[in-house]
Amino acid sequence: YRRRVRGEELQFVGACNGTPELEQWTKALQESLDKEKTEAPTASGKKKLKKAGLVKRARNNVVIGKKVMKIIVNEETTTLLASLKRIVKAESGVPKKAEDLERNILKITLKVCVLIENGVITAEEFMMADRPVREAFELLVRIYNGRERVKPEKITEAFKKVESLLKKSELELINMLSPHLSSKNMFRVSFIFSCIGEVKFLENVLKDPSLEADLEKLVAALEAYTQVQYH
């Protein structure tokens, strides 16, 4: 994707799974590039305004952060993230990938909660992206519980359904967040789903006996997540 911005030609290179995803990313990049550039503060009083703005913003983020942390930091989500991090680290053999995944999940979750708290997006809009994730989690729980009784090809078929649901959630998030977040944060979203939303990854994890303990904890956390209803 090429775009001339303020006389400079910019080029973005990436890999997409199809035309719908390419269109979503192109739209997100265009909206980010079209945002007006803000002026640097001058020495005549604007520094004070900027300082006050930063203080107010920090104070608001502390209040919002406390609310968000009550949601994020609980037994279920802590177990889910810890187990997922260990599984990704073992499956990929790349510790940094697992650390980046955890960091990006927390950052995007916090940003979404702040947007909801500030009335920029609604909880109903967020649920459009959350609903397919819940369906994917419910299906993963059923796959795990029935894996000894189901033929491998049926498991692969179910994993493809999980992949499709997570891709749907990713596109919903991109649609919802691209007008409000930077392109850097939008790539965080893509990174999260690329780590955990592919059939190959799911099959590798299910077949690895060394991951059984973490997988059991993860499945329990997924099941707990699907039972919590947000209003």
Protein backbone atom coordinates (compact mmCIF):
# COMPACT_ATOMS: atom_id res chain seq x y z
CA TYR A 1 0.00 0.00 0.00
CA ARG A 2 1.49 3.35 -1.11
CA ARG A 3 0.32 6.79 -0.06
CA ARG A 4 1.76 10.30 -0.52
CA VAL A 5 1.54 12.30 2.71
CA ARG A 6 2.66 15.93 2.86
CA GLY A 7 4.89 15.44 -0.19
CA GLU A 8 6.47 12.23 1.11
CA GLU A 9 5.62 8.86 -0.38
CA LEU A 10 5.06 6.21 2.30
CA GLN A 11 4.96 2.49 1.65
CA PHE A 12 3.42 -0.12 3.94
CA VAL A 13 4.12 -3.81 3.46
CA GLY A 14 2.15 -6.62 5.12
CA ALA A 15 0.48 -9.97 4.56
CA CYS A 16 -3.32 -10.39 4.58
CA ASN A 17 -5.51 -13.47 4.44
CA GLY A 18 -7.84 -12.06 1.80
CA THR A 19 -9.54 -9.03 0.28
CA PRO A 20 -11.76 -8.24 3.31
CA GLU A 21 -8.75 -8.07 5.65
CA LEU A 22 -6.77 -6.01 3.10
CA GLU A 23 -9.64 -3.52 2.85
CA GLN A 24 -9.87 -3.24 6.64
CA TRP A 25 -6.15 -2.49 6.99
CA THR A 26 -6.19 -0.04 4.07
CA LYS A 27 -9.08 1.83 5.69
CA ALA A 28 -7.29 1.87 9.08
CA LEU A 29 -4.08 3.22 7.52
CA GLN A 30 -5.92 5.88 5.52
CA GLU A 31 -7.77 7.15 8.59
CA SER A 32 -4.55 7.29 10.62
CA LEU A 33 -2.68 9.14 7.88
CA ASP A 34 -5.53 11.60 7.35
CA LYS A 35 -5.46 12.78 10.97
CA GLU A 36 -4.27 16.37 11.27
CA LYS A 37 -0.80 17.00 12.61
CA THR A 38 -0.86 18.92 15.90
CA GLU A 39 1.30 21.97 16.47
CA ALA A 40 4.13 21.92 19.00
CA PRO A 41 3.48 24.08 22.10
CA THR A 42 5.08 27.54 22.23
CA ALA A 43 6.78 29.17 25.19
CA SER A 44 3.94 31.67 25.72
CA GLY A 45 1.61 29.94 28.13
CA LYS A 46 0.85 26.86 26.09
CA LYS A 47 3.27 24.76 28.07
CA LYS A 48 1.16 25.37 31.14
CA LEU A 49 -1.93 24.30 29.25
CA LYS A 50 -0.17 21.21 28.05
CA LYS A 51 1.03 20.41 31.55
CA ALA A 52 -2.47 20.84 32.94
CA GLY A 53 -3.80 18.61 30.20
CA LEU A 54 -1.27 15.93 31.01
CA VAL A 55 -2.04 16.10 34.71
CA LYS A 56 -5.77 15.85 34.04
CA ARG A 57 -5.23 13.01 31.59
CA ALA A 58 -3.03 11.14 34.05
CA ARG A 59 -5.59 11.63 36.83
CA ASN A 60 -8.38 10.33 34.58
CA ASN A 61 -6.31 7.36 33.51
CA VAL A 62 -5.59 6.45 37.13
CA VAL A 63 -9.32 6.45 37.92
CA ILE A 64 -10.19 4.53 34.78
CA GLY A 65 -7.20 2.25 35.32
CA LYS A 66 -8.47 1.23 38.74
CA LYS A 67 -11.85 0.31 37.29
CA VAL A 68 -10.24 -1.59 34.45
CA MET A 69 -7.80 -3.44 36.69
CA LYS A 70 -10.70 -4.72 38.80
CA ILE A 71 -12.02 -6.34 35.62
CA ILE A 72 -8.70 -7.51 34.18
CA VAL A 73 -6.85 -8.66 37.29
CA ASN A 74 -8.97 -11.49 38.62
CA GLU A 75 -8.27 -15.17 39.07
CA GLU A 76 -9.77 -16.25 35.73
CA THR A 77 -8.05 -13.69 33.50
CA THR A 78 -4.73 -13.98 35.34
CA THR A 79 -4.79 -17.76 34.88
CA LEU A 80 -5.84 -17.40 31.25
CA LEU A 81 -3.00 -15.00 30.39
CA ALA A 82 -0.37 -16.92 32.35
CA SER A 83 -1.31 -20.26 30.78
CA LEU A 84 -1.60 -18.75 27.30
CA LYS A 85 1.80 -17.11 27.65
CA ARG A 86 3.49 -20.39 28.65
CA ILE A 87 1.74 -22.28 25.83
CA VAL A 88 2.76 -19.75 23.16
CA LYS A 89 6.32 -19.73 24.48
CA ALA A 90 6.55 -23.55 24.34
CA GLU A 91 4.80 -23.92 20.97
CA SER A 92 6.78 -21.19 19.21
CA GLY A 93 10.08 -21.59 21.05
CA VAL A 94 10.27 -17.79 21.14
CA PRO A 95 9.93 -16.30 24.65
CA LYS A 96 9.67 -12.73 23.30
CA LYS A 97 6.64 -13.67 21.21
CA ALA A 98 4.82 -14.84 24.35
CA GLU A 99 5.81 -11.69 26.25
CA ASP A 100 4.70 -9.46 23.38
CA LEU A 101 1.38 -11.31 23.20
CA GLU A 102 0.64 -10.75 26.89
CA ARG A 103 1.70 -7.08 26.69
CA ASN A 104 -0.41 -6.41 23.59
CA ILE A 105 -3.50 -8.10 25.03
CA LEU A 106 -3.29 -5.96 28.17
CA LYS A 107 -2.64 -2.75 26.23
CA ILE A 108 -5.51 -3.23 23.80
CA THR A 109 -7.86 -4.32 26.59
CA LEU A 110 -6.99 -1.20 28.58
CA LYS A 111 -7.45 1.07 25.56
CA VAL A 112 -10.85 -0.49 24.77
CA CYS A 113 -11.99 -0.03 28.37
CA VAL A 114 -10.85 3.62 28.37
CA LEU A 115 -12.75 4.24 25.12
CA ILE A 116 -15.88 2.72 26.65
CA GLU A 117 -15.49 4.67 29.90
CA ASN A 118 -15.09 7.91 27.94
CA GLY A 119 -18.17 7.18 25.81
CA VAL A 120 -16.16 7.04 22.58
CA ILE A 121 -17.47 3.55 21.83
CA THR A 122 -20.35 1.69 23.44
CA ALA A 123 -20.38 -1.61 25.29
CA GLU A 124 -22.80 -2.85 22.63
CA GLU A 125 -20.24 -2.11 19.91
CA PHE A 126 -17.59 -3.99 21.87
CA MET A 127 -19.91 -6.98 22.25
CA MET A 128 -20.01 -7.29 18.46
CA ALA A 129 -16.32 -8.19 18.62
CA ASP A 130 -16.56 -10.13 21.88
CA ARG A 131 -19.40 -12.43 20.80
CA PRO A 132 -17.41 -14.46 18.21
CA VAL A 133 -14.56 -14.78 20.74
CA ARG A 134 -16.98 -16.32 23.23
CA GLU A 135 -18.26 -18.71 20.57
CA ALA A 136 -14.68 -19.68 19.72
CA PHE A 137 -13.85 -20.26 23.40
CA GLU A 138 -16.97 -22.41 23.90
CA LEU A 139 -16.03 -24.51 20.88
CA LEU A 140 -12.43 -24.90 22.13
CA VAL A 141 -13.77 -26.18 25.48
CA ARG A 142 -15.93 -28.75 23.68
CA ILE A 143 -13.00 -29.83 21.50
CA TYR A 144 -10.79 -30.31 24.55
CA ASN A 145 -13.40 -32.26 26.48
CA GLY A 146 -14.26 -34.53 23.55
CA ARG A 147 -10.84 -34.95 21.96
CA GLU A 148 -10.51 -38.63 22.95
CA ARG A 149 -13.84 -39.55 21.32
CA VAL A 150 -13.62 -37.51 18.09
CA LYS A 151 -11.77 -38.35 14.88
CA PRO A 152 -8.75 -36.11 14.04
CA GLU A 153 -10.39 -34.79 10.88
CA LYS A 154 -13.41 -33.64 12.90
CA ILE A 155 -11.12 -31.83 15.32
CA THR A 156 -9.38 -30.08 12.41
CA GLU A 157 -12.78 -29.08 11.03
CA ALA A 158 -13.74 -27.64 14.43
CA PHE A 159 -10.43 -25.75 14.66
CA LYS A 160 -11.16 -24.18 11.27
CA LYS A 161 -14.44 -22.92 12.72
CA VAL A 162 -12.52 -21.47 15.69
CA GLU A 163 -10.11 -19.77 13.28
CA SER A 164 -13.04 -18.29 11.35
CA LEU A 165 -14.71 -16.96 14.52
CA LEU A 166 -11.50 -15.34 15.74
CA LYS A 167 -10.92 -13.77 12.33
CA LYS A 168 -14.44 -12.33 12.49
CA SER A 169 -13.66 -10.84 15.91
CA GLU A 170 -10.40 -9.37 14.62
CA LEU A 171 -12.18 -7.63 11.73
CA GLU A 172 -14.87 -6.30 14.10
CA LEU A 173 -12.18 -4.85 16.37
CA ILE A 174 -10.33 -3.26 13.46
CA ASN A 175 -13.57 -1.70 12.23
CA MET A 176 -14.44 -0.41 15.69
CA LEU A 177 -11.02 0.83 16.84
CA SER A 178 -9.34 2.14 13.67
CA PRO A 179 -10.97 5.61 13.90
CA HIS A 180 -9.68 6.02 17.47
CA LEU A 181 -6.31 4.25 17.75
CA SER A 182 -2.99 4.60 15.94
CA SER A 183 -1.84 2.21 13.23
CA LYS A 184 0.71 0.87 15.74
CA ASN A 185 -2.09 -0.21 18.05
CA MET A 186 -4.03 -1.70 15.16
CA PHE A 187 -1.02 -3.88 14.37
CA ARG A 188 -1.12 -5.01 18.01
CA VAL A 189 -4.61 -6.37 17.33
CA SER A 190 -3.39 -8.26 14.28
CA PHE A 191 -0.43 -9.65 16.21
CA ILE A 192 -2.67 -11.04 18.95
CA PHE A 193 -4.90 -12.95 16.57
CA SER A 194 -1.99 -14.17 14.43
CA CYS A 195 -0.48 -15.77 17.54
CA ILE A 196 -3.51 -17.70 18.75
CA GLY A 197 -6.02 -17.84 15.92
CA GLU A 198 -4.51 -20.27 13.43
CA VAL A 199 -5.40 -23.95 12.97
CA LYS A 200 -1.77 -25.07 12.99
CA PHE A 201 -1.13 -23.47 16.38
CA LEU A 202 -4.28 -25.00 17.87
CA GLU A 203 -3.42 -28.48 16.56
CA ASN A 204 0.18 -28.28 17.79
CA VAL A 205 -0.96 -27.31 21.28
CA LEU A 206 -3.57 -30.06 21.51
CA LYS A 207 -1.07 -32.74 20.42
CA ASP A 208 1.76 -31.71 22.77
CA PRO A 209 1.61 -33.77 26.00
CA SER A 210 4.08 -31.43 27.73
CA LEU A 211 1.46 -28.67 27.58
CA GLU A 212 -1.31 -30.71 29.19
CA ALA A 213 -1.20 -28.99 32.60
CA ASP A 214 -1.26 -25.49 31.12
CA LEU A 215 -3.87 -26.49 28.56
CA GLU A 216 -6.15 -27.77 31.30
CA LYS A 217 -5.84 -24.45 33.18
CA LEU A 218 -6.38 -22.48 30.00
CA VAL A 219 -9.53 -24.40 29.09
CA ALA A 220 -10.92 -23.86 32.60
CA ALA A 221 -10.21 -20.12 32.27
CA LEU A 222 -11.85 -20.01 28.81
CA GLU A 223 -14.93 -21.70 30.20
CA ALA A 224 -15.07 -19.24 33.10
CA TYR A 225 -14.80 -16.31 30.67
CA THR A 226 -17.75 -17.51 28.61
CA GLN A 227 -19.92 -17.73 31.73
CA VAL A 228 -19.39 -14.07 32.65
CA GLN A 229 -21.91 -11.78 31.00
CA TYR A 230 -21.14 -8.07 30.48
CA HIS A 231 -23.94 -5.51 30.37
